[in-house]
Amino acid sequence: MPDTVVNPQITDAVTQANVKVLGQAPAVGMGTIYQSVSHALAVLYQDAVTSQQQLQITAQASLTQGVMQLYSVDTASDAGPQRVETAVNDTAQALNALASTQNAQLGSEVSGQVKDAVNFAQDKVLGAIGDFAYGQRACTDAFVAALEQVGTAQHRQRMQVLQEAATAVCLSAMLKSPDQAEAYAELLERIKRLV
């Protein structure tokens, strides 16, 4: 094999290209991790919103059914206040059960998934991602809190609709059966305290 001398400019160019590739590898790796975490959290947020929407549809259907049952109570010919009270309590219990199911689902499943995603990101990357992960966690906690507040506000609105329907039925019954006005007045006080 003949002795050949390689031009120093060529060796410098190859060496610099190799150094550039090796030097950029950590930055490219971090960028890929940031994109993966961002995508995973975006999908998580989408799933949480979809879950809340489905629970709200179920709660609205329950409220509608309860109000329909209240309006269908024939207070003039039946036992009166007891039947109205039973219908109001049944509907309120169903709405409260849906609200606690919603809060439990948002509070446990979303938070658990978020913690897992953030912990995974922190475990896979050393040091520099700590601030990024903290920011992601803070944003996610705020997002979960906002979803819970929206759910609570919607539950409160549904309970107000139920109170208005029950009050209308009671007032109608009081007009039809003035002799039972005291029992209906007591029921109206109970309706005011519905939560």
C-alpha atoms as a PDB file:
ATOM      1  CA  MET A   1       0.000   0.000   0.000  1.00  0.00           C
ATOM      2  CA  PRO A   2       1.501   3.318  -0.993  1.00  0.00           C
ATOM      3  CA  ASP A   3       2.018   6.045   1.536  1.00  0.00           C
ATOM      4  CA  THR A   4      -0.502   8.778   0.892  1.00  0.00           C
ATOM      5  CA  VAL A   5      -0.738  12.019   2.725  1.00  0.00           C
ATOM      6  CA  VAL A   6      -4.247  13.325   3.378  1.00  0.00           C
ATOM      7  CA  ASN A   7      -4.718  16.999   3.036  1.00  0.00           C
ATOM      8  CA  PRO A   8      -5.088  18.565   6.545  1.00  0.00           C
ATOM      9  CA  GLN A   9      -8.100  20.558   5.350  1.00  0.00           C
ATOM     10  CA  ILE A  10      -9.965  17.301   4.620  1.00  0.00           C
ATOM     11  CA  THR A  11      -9.159  15.788   8.024  1.00  0.00           C
ATOM     12  CA  ASP A  12     -10.200  19.020   9.736  1.00  0.00           C
ATOM     13  CA  ALA A  13     -13.502  19.060   7.829  1.00  0.00           C
ATOM     14  CA  VAL A  14     -14.282  15.427   8.755  1.00  0.00           C
ATOM     15  CA  THR A  15     -13.308  15.978  12.378  1.00  0.00           C
ATOM     16  CA  GLN A  16     -15.449  19.109  12.648  1.00  0.00           C
ATOM     17  CA  ALA A  17     -18.438  17.313  11.088  1.00  0.00           C
ATOM     18  CA  ASN A  18     -18.114  14.493  13.620  1.00  0.00           C
ATOM     19  CA  VAL A  19     -17.768  16.932  16.511  1.00  0.00           C
ATOM     20  CA  LYS A  20     -20.832  18.840  15.294  1.00  0.00           C
ATOM     21  CA  VAL A  21     -22.968  15.676  15.167  1.00  0.00           C
ATOM     22  CA  LEU A  22     -21.815  14.570  18.609  1.00  0.00           C
ATOM     23  CA  GLY A  23     -22.282  18.057  20.041  1.00  0.00           C
ATOM     24  CA  GLN A  24     -25.844  18.401  18.741  1.00  0.00           C
ATOM     25  CA  ALA A  25     -26.977  14.969  19.951  1.00  0.00           C
ATOM     26  CA  PRO A  26     -27.978  16.074  23.477  1.00  0.00           C
ATOM     27  CA  ALA A  27     -29.943  19.057  22.144  1.00  0.00           C
ATOM     28  CA  VAL A  28     -31.753  16.902  19.588  1.00  0.00           C
ATOM     29  CA  GLY A  29     -32.506  14.333  22.290  1.00  0.00           C
ATOM     30  CA  MET A  30     -33.906  17.001  24.620  1.00  0.00           C
ATOM     31  CA  GLY A  31     -36.008  18.446  21.816  1.00  0.00           C
ATOM     32  CA  THR A  32     -37.451  15.028  21.076  1.00  0.00           C
ATOM     33  CA  ILE A  33     -38.285  14.481  24.730  1.00  0.00           C
ATOM     34  CA  TYR A  34     -39.938  17.909  25.002  1.00  0.00           C
ATOM     35  CA  GLN A  35     -42.069  17.169  21.950  1.00  0.00           C
ATOM     36  CA  SER A  36     -43.031  13.723  23.259  1.00  0.00           C
ATOM     37  CA  VAL A  37     -44.036  15.056  26.671  1.00  0.00           C
ATOM     38  CA  SER A  38     -45.982  17.938  25.130  1.00  0.00           C
ATOM     39  CA  HIS A  39     -47.841  15.581  22.826  1.00  0.00           C
ATOM     40  CA  ALA A  40     -48.634  13.140  25.651  1.00  0.00           C
ATOM     41  CA  LEU A  41     -49.968  15.939  27.858  1.00  0.00           C
ATOM     42  CA  ALA A  42     -52.039  17.376  25.008  1.00  0.00           C
ATOM     43  CA  VAL A  43     -53.677  13.986  24.501  1.00  0.00           C
ATOM     44  CA  LEU A  44     -54.219  13.737  28.256  1.00  0.00           C
ATOM     45  CA  TYR A  45     -55.926  17.151  28.307  1.00  0.00           C
ATOM     46  CA  GLN A  46     -58.134  16.134  25.382  1.00  0.00           C
ATOM     47  CA  ASP A  47     -59.165  12.947  27.147  1.00  0.00           C
ATOM     48  CA  ALA A  48     -59.956  14.816  30.371  1.00  0.00           C
ATOM     49  CA  VAL A  49     -62.153  17.344  28.570  1.00  0.00           C
ATOM     50  CA  THR A  50     -63.943  14.590  26.644  1.00  0.00           C
ATOM     51  CA  SER A  51     -64.552  12.682  29.869  1.00  0.00           C
ATOM     52  CA  GLN A  52     -65.975  15.773  31.538  1.00  0.00           C
ATOM     53  CA  GLN A  53     -68.230  16.479  28.554  1.00  0.00           C
ATOM     54  CA  GLN A  54     -69.631  12.948  28.653  1.00  0.00           C
ATOM     55  CA  LEU A  55     -70.292  13.219  32.398  1.00  0.00           C
ATOM     56  CA  GLN A  56     -72.023  16.564  31.879  1.00  0.00           C
ATOM     57  CA  ILE A  57     -74.303  15.035  29.235  1.00  0.00           C
ATOM     58  CA  THR A  58     -75.201  12.232  31.654  1.00  0.00           C
ATOM     59  CA  ALA A  59     -75.849  14.725  34.464  1.00  0.00           C
ATOM     60  CA  GLN A  60     -78.016  16.879  32.203  1.00  0.00           C
ATOM     61  CA  ALA A  61     -80.055  13.821  31.201  1.00  0.00           C
ATOM     62  CA  SER A  62     -80.491  12.921  34.872  1.00  0.00           C
ATOM     63  CA  LEU A  63     -81.640  16.447  35.688  1.00  0.00           C
ATOM     64  CA  THR A  64     -84.097  16.477  32.797  1.00  0.00           C
ATOM     65  CA  GLN A  65     -85.528  13.139  33.904  1.00  0.00           C
ATOM     66  CA  GLY A  66     -85.854  14.349  37.489  1.00  0.00           C
ATOM     67  CA  VAL A  67     -87.600  17.579  36.498  1.00  0.00           C
ATOM     68  CA  MET A  68     -89.959  15.630  34.232  1.00  0.00           C
ATOM     69  CA  GLN A  69     -90.813  13.344  37.149  1.00  0.00           C
ATOM     70  CA  LEU A  70     -91.438  16.355  39.368  1.00  0.00           C
ATOM     71  CA  TYR A  71     -93.762  17.982  36.858  1.00  0.00           C
ATOM     72  CA  SER A  72     -95.649  14.727  36.347  1.00  0.00           C
ATOM     73  CA  VAL A  73     -96.514  14.378  40.057  1.00  0.00           C
ATOM     74  CA  ASP A  74    -100.263  14.812  40.453  1.00  0.00           C
ATOM     75  CA  THR A  75    -100.188  16.620  43.769  1.00  0.00           C
ATOM     76  CA  ALA A  76    -103.922  17.355  43.963  1.00  0.00           C
ATOM     77  CA  SER A  77    -105.093  13.737  43.990  1.00  0.00           C
ATOM     78  CA  ASP A  78    -102.146  11.894  45.548  1.00  0.00           C
ATOM     79  CA  ALA A  79    -100.608  11.959  49.014  1.00  0.00           C
ATOM     80  CA  GLY A  80     -99.183  15.383  48.223  1.00  0.00           C
ATOM     81  CA  PRO A  81     -96.063  16.744  49.941  1.00  0.00           C
ATOM     82  CA  GLN A  82     -94.521  13.335  50.642  1.00  0.00           C
ATOM     83  CA  ARG A  83     -94.564  12.343  46.984  1.00  0.00           C
ATOM     84  CA  VAL A  84     -93.102  15.672  45.847  1.00  0.00           C
ATOM     85  CA  GLU A  85     -90.429  15.447  48.538  1.00  0.00           C
ATOM     86  CA  THR A  86     -89.531  11.903  47.487  1.00  0.00           C
ATOM     87  CA  ALA A  87     -89.187  12.952  43.838  1.00  0.00           C
ATOM     88  CA  VAL A  88     -87.053  15.978  44.755  1.00  0.00           C
ATOM     89  CA  ASN A  89     -84.800  13.932  47.046  1.00  0.00           C
ATOM     90  CA  ASP A  90     -84.357  11.148  44.478  1.00  0.00           C
ATOM     91  CA  THR A  91     -83.340  13.626  41.780  1.00  0.00           C
ATOM     92  CA  ALA A  92     -81.006  15.521  44.131  1.00  0.00           C
ATOM     93  CA  GLN A  93     -79.323  12.271  45.205  1.00  0.00           C
ATOM     94  CA  ALA A  94     -78.828  11.224  41.579  1.00  0.00           C
ATOM     95  CA  LEU A  95     -77.266  14.595  40.720  1.00  0.00           C
ATOM     96  CA  ASN A  96     -75.005  14.512  43.787  1.00  0.00           C
ATOM     97  CA  ALA A  97     -73.885  10.984  42.932  1.00  0.00           C
ATOM     98  CA  LEU A  98     -73.020  12.087  39.383  1.00  0.00           C
ATOM     99  CA  ALA A  99     -71.119  15.099  40.702  1.00  0.00           C
ATOM    100  CA  SER A 100     -69.041  12.982  43.089  1.00  0.00           C
ATOM    101  CA  THR A 101     -68.366  10.461  40.330  1.00  0.00           C
ATOM    102  CA  GLN A 102     -67.178  13.275  38.092  1.00  0.00           C
ATOM    103  CA  ASN A 103     -64.946  14.807  40.762  1.00  0.00           C
ATOM    104  CA  ALA A 104     -63.506  11.421  41.696  1.00  0.00           C
ATOM    105  CA  GLN A 105     -62.782  10.582  38.085  1.00  0.00           C
ATOM    106  CA  LEU A 106     -61.158  13.924  37.321  1.00  0.00           C
ATOM    107  CA  GLY A 107     -59.290  14.027  40.629  1.00  0.00           C
ATOM    108  CA  SER A 108     -57.832  10.524  40.614  1.00  0.00           C
ATOM    109  CA  GLU A 109     -57.436   9.413  37.001  1.00  0.00           C
ATOM    110  CA  VAL A 110     -56.186  12.662  35.537  1.00  0.00           C
ATOM    111  CA  SER A 111     -53.880  13.449  38.429  1.00  0.00           C
ATOM    112  CA  GLY A 112     -52.449   9.921  38.392  1.00  0.00           C
ATOM    113  CA  GLN A 113     -51.806  10.053  34.673  1.00  0.00           C
ATOM    114  CA  VAL A 114     -50.255  13.480  34.936  1.00  0.00           C
ATOM    115  CA  LYS A 115     -47.979  12.405  37.767  1.00  0.00           C
ATOM    116  CA  ASP A 116     -46.912   9.319  35.822  1.00  0.00           C
ATOM    117  CA  ALA A 117     -46.150  11.366  32.709  1.00  0.00           C
ATOM    118  CA  VAL A 118     -44.189  13.987  34.619  1.00  0.00           C
ATOM    119  CA  ASN A 119     -42.290  11.393  36.641  1.00  0.00           C
ATOM    120  CA  PHE A 120     -41.443   9.490  33.468  1.00  0.00           C
ATOM    121  CA  ALA A 121     -40.093  12.674  31.880  1.00  0.00           C
ATOM    122  CA  GLN A 122     -38.027  13.491  34.956  1.00  0.00           C
ATOM    123  CA  ASP A 123     -36.640   9.965  35.191  1.00  0.00           C
ATOM    124  CA  LYS A 124     -35.554   9.892  31.550  1.00  0.00           C
ATOM    125  CA  VAL A 125     -33.781  13.214  31.438  1.00  0.00           C
ATOM    126  CA  LEU A 126     -31.152  14.500  33.816  1.00  0.00           C
ATOM    127  CA  GLY A 127     -31.133  17.927  35.406  1.00  0.00           C
ATOM    128  CA  ALA A 128     -32.074  20.330  32.653  1.00  0.00           C
ATOM    129  CA  ILE A 129     -35.635  19.097  32.279  1.00  0.00           C
ATOM    130  CA  GLY A 130     -36.467  19.734  35.938  1.00  0.00           C
ATOM    131  CA  ASP A 131     -37.751  23.261  35.306  1.00  0.00           C
ATOM    132  CA  PHE A 132     -39.654  22.092  32.244  1.00  0.00           C
ATOM    133  CA  ALA A 133     -41.262  19.254  34.195  1.00  0.00           C
ATOM    134  CA  TYR A 134     -42.150  21.610  37.042  1.00  0.00           C
ATOM    135  CA  GLY A 135     -43.807  23.983  34.562  1.00  0.00           C
ATOM    136  CA  GLN A 136     -45.718  21.117  32.983  1.00  0.00           C
ATOM    137  CA  ARG A 137     -46.871  19.887  36.378  1.00  0.00           C
ATOM    138  CA  ALA A 138     -48.003  23.360  37.446  1.00  0.00           C
ATOM    139  CA  CYS A 139     -49.935  23.826  34.189  1.00  0.00           C
ATOM    140  CA  THR A 140     -51.554  20.426  34.533  1.00  0.00           C
ATOM    141  CA  ASP A 141     -52.541  21.042  38.154  1.00  0.00           C
ATOM    142  CA  ALA A 142     -54.134  24.326  37.108  1.00  0.00           C
ATOM    143  CA  PHE A 143     -55.942  22.564  34.259  1.00  0.00           C
ATOM    144  CA  VAL A 144     -57.328  19.857  36.564  1.00  0.00           C
ATOM    145  CA  ALA A 145     -58.428  22.480  39.108  1.00  0.00           C
ATOM    146  CA  ALA A 146     -60.188  24.441  36.361  1.00  0.00           C
ATOM    147  CA  LEU A 147     -62.029  21.314  35.179  1.00  0.00           C
ATOM    148  CA  GLU A 148     -63.140  20.588  38.733  1.00  0.00           C
ATOM    149  CA  GLN A 149     -64.374  24.168  39.162  1.00  0.00           C
ATOM    150  CA  VAL A 150     -66.324  23.983  35.914  1.00  0.00           C
ATOM    151  CA  GLY A 151     -67.889  20.701  37.049  1.00  0.00           C
ATOM    152  CA  THR A 152     -68.799  22.179  40.429  1.00  0.00           C
ATOM    153  CA  ALA A 153     -70.366  25.260  38.844  1.00  0.00           C
ATOM    154  CA  GLN A 154     -72.400  23.139  36.442  1.00  0.00           C
ATOM    155  CA  HIS A 155     -73.587  20.930  39.303  1.00  0.00           C
ATOM    156  CA  ARG A 156     -74.641  24.020  41.253  1.00  0.00           C
ATOM    157  CA  GLN A 157     -76.600  25.257  38.219  1.00  0.00           C
ATOM    158  CA  ARG A 158     -78.352  21.887  37.839  1.00  0.00           C
ATOM    159  CA  MET A 159     -79.316  21.936  41.508  1.00  0.00           C
ATOM    160  CA  GLN A 160     -80.758  25.444  41.059  1.00  0.00           C
ATOM    161  CA  VAL A 161     -82.882  24.200  38.151  1.00  0.00           C
ATOM    162  CA  LEU A 162     -84.081  21.320  40.330  1.00  0.00           C
ATOM    163  CA  GLN A 163     -84.925  23.755  43.145  1.00  0.00           C
ATOM    164  CA  GLU A 164     -86.892  25.971  40.754  1.00  0.00           C
ATOM    165  CA  ALA A 165     -88.860  23.017  39.374  1.00  0.00           C
ATOM    166  CA  ALA A 166     -89.608  21.666  42.854  1.00  0.00           C
ATOM    167  CA  THR A 167     -90.675  25.109  44.043  1.00  0.00           C
ATOM    168  CA  ALA A 168     -93.026  25.475  41.064  1.00  0.00           C
ATOM    169  CA  VAL A 169     -94.595  22.072  41.781  1.00  0.00           C
ATOM    170  CA  CYS A 170     -95.003  22.906  45.481  1.00  0.00           C
ATOM    171  CA  LEU A 171     -96.587  26.276  44.786  1.00  0.00           C
ATOM    172  CA  SER A 172     -98.963  24.699  42.296  1.00  0.00           C
ATOM    173  CA  ALA A 173     -99.891  22.037  44.840  1.00  0.00           C
ATOM    174  CA  MET A 174    -100.429  24.664  47.531  1.00  0.00           C
ATOM    175  CA  LEU A 175    -102.898  26.447  45.273  1.00  0.00           C
ATOM    176  CA  LYS A 176    -104.724  23.193  44.530  1.00  0.00           C
ATOM    177  CA  SER A 177    -104.768  21.965  48.149  1.00  0.00           C
ATOM    178  CA  PRO A 178    -104.812  24.955  50.517  1.00  0.00           C
ATOM    179  CA  ASP A 179    -105.563  22.625  53.441  1.00  0.00           C
ATOM    180  CA  GLN A 180    -102.056  21.120  53.121  1.00  0.00           C
ATOM    181  CA  ALA A 181    -100.293  24.490  52.824  1.00  0.00           C
ATOM    182  CA  GLU A 182     -98.309  23.983  56.050  1.00  0.00           C
ATOM    183  CA  ALA A 183     -96.861  20.683  54.834  1.00  0.00           C
ATOM    184  CA  TYR A 184     -95.922  22.267  51.520  1.00  0.00           C
ATOM    185  CA  ALA A 185     -94.390  25.267  53.304  1.00  0.00           C
ATOM    186  CA  GLU A 186     -92.138  22.883  55.252  1.00  0.00           C
ATOM    187  CA  LEU A 187     -91.227  21.135  51.995  1.00  0.00           C
ATOM    188  CA  LEU A 188     -90.377  24.506  50.406  1.00  0.00           C
ATOM    189  CA  GLU A 189     -87.928  25.154  53.254  1.00  0.00           C
ATOM    190  CA  ARG A 190     -86.275  21.783  52.621  1.00  0.00           C
ATOM    191  CA  ILE A 191     -86.030  22.526  48.899  1.00  0.00           C
ATOM    192  CA  LYS A 192     -84.211  25.785  49.674  1.00  0.00           C
ATOM    193  CA  ARG A 193     -81.540  23.820  51.556  1.00  0.00           C
ATOM    194  CA  LEU A 194     -80.784  21.405  48.709  1.00  0.00           C
ATOM    195  CA  VAL A 195     -77.073  21.253  47.932  1.00  0.00           C
END
